[in-house]
Amino acid sequence: MTVGIFALSRVTPRLVGRFGQAPLLMLGTLSLTGSFAWLSDIDTSSSYFPAVFGPCCSTASPPD
């Protein structure tokens, strides 16, 4: 997660300069919405990696 944040912090200023803030904010919002929808599908028989680890990595929040 730290490596991803570091890598994107190097690229983001160029992307904002090229596309503007609005498209990047929409992309981030859609990404979070998709991750939370993915997390909402968890039940008691779900395994850890496909049900918890994947969406938590995409939301950049550590799984507890």
Protein backbone atom coordinates (compact mmCIF):
# COMPACT_ATOMS: atom_id res chain seq x y z
CA MET A 1 0.00 0.00 0.00
CA THR A 2 2.84 2.37 0.85
CA VAL A 3 4.58 1.68 -2.44
CA GLY A 4 1.35 2.39 -4.33
CA ILE A 5 0.82 5.69 -2.54
CA PHE A 6 4.44 6.69 -3.19
CA ALA A 7 4.20 5.78 -6.88
CA LEU A 8 0.93 7.62 -7.41
CA SER A 9 2.18 10.71 -5.59
CA ARG A 10 4.84 11.01 -8.28
CA VAL A 11 2.37 10.65 -11.17
CA THR A 12 -0.67 12.54 -9.86
CA PRO A 13 0.60 16.10 -10.45
CA ARG A 14 1.15 15.31 -14.12
CA LEU A 15 -2.29 13.70 -14.42
CA VAL A 16 -3.95 16.70 -12.77
CA GLY A 17 -2.11 19.00 -15.15
CA ARG A 18 -3.23 16.98 -18.17
CA PHE A 19 -6.82 16.05 -17.27
CA GLY A 20 -7.77 18.45 -14.47
CA GLN A 21 -9.07 17.67 -11.00
CA ALA A 22 -12.66 16.69 -11.77
CA PRO A 23 -11.97 13.51 -13.81
CA LEU A 24 -9.48 12.24 -11.23
CA LEU A 25 -11.88 12.91 -8.37
CA MET A 26 -14.63 11.04 -10.23
CA LEU A 27 -12.29 8.12 -10.89
CA GLY A 28 -11.37 7.94 -7.21
CA THR A 29 -15.01 8.16 -6.14
CA LEU A 30 -16.05 5.41 -8.54
CA SER A 31 -13.15 3.25 -7.36
CA LEU A 32 -14.18 3.64 -3.72
CA THR A 33 -17.82 2.94 -4.55
CA GLY A 34 -16.85 -0.25 -6.35
CA SER A 35 -14.65 -1.36 -3.47
CA PHE A 36 -17.37 -0.74 -0.89
CA ALA A 37 -19.89 -2.62 -3.05
CA TRP A 38 -17.39 -5.50 -3.23
CA LEU A 39 -17.02 -5.43 0.58
CA SER A 40 -20.79 -5.48 1.06
CA ASP A 41 -20.89 -8.98 -0.44
CA ILE A 42 -19.06 -10.55 2.53
CA ASP A 43 -20.82 -13.30 4.46
CA THR A 44 -19.76 -15.85 7.05
CA SER A 45 -18.49 -18.34 4.47
CA SER A 46 -16.34 -15.84 2.54
CA SER A 47 -12.61 -16.47 2.42
CA TYR A 48 -10.22 -13.71 3.40
CA PHE A 49 -8.30 -12.89 0.23
CA PRO A 50 -11.08 -12.58 -2.34
CA ALA A 51 -13.62 -11.04 0.02
CA VAL A 52 -11.56 -8.76 2.28
CA PHE A 53 -7.98 -8.32 1.09
CA GLY A 54 -8.81 -7.28 -2.49
CA PRO A 55 -11.30 -4.53 -1.72
CA CYS A 56 -9.25 -3.23 1.20
CA CYS A 57 -6.20 -2.91 -1.03
CA SER A 58 -8.20 -0.99 -3.59
CA THR A 59 -9.59 1.40 -0.95
CA ALA A 60 -6.13 1.78 0.63
CA SER A 61 -7.51 0.96 4.05
CA PRO A 62 -5.80 -1.81 5.99
CA PRO A 63 -7.93 -4.87 6.73
CA ASP A 64 -8.42 -5.52 10.45
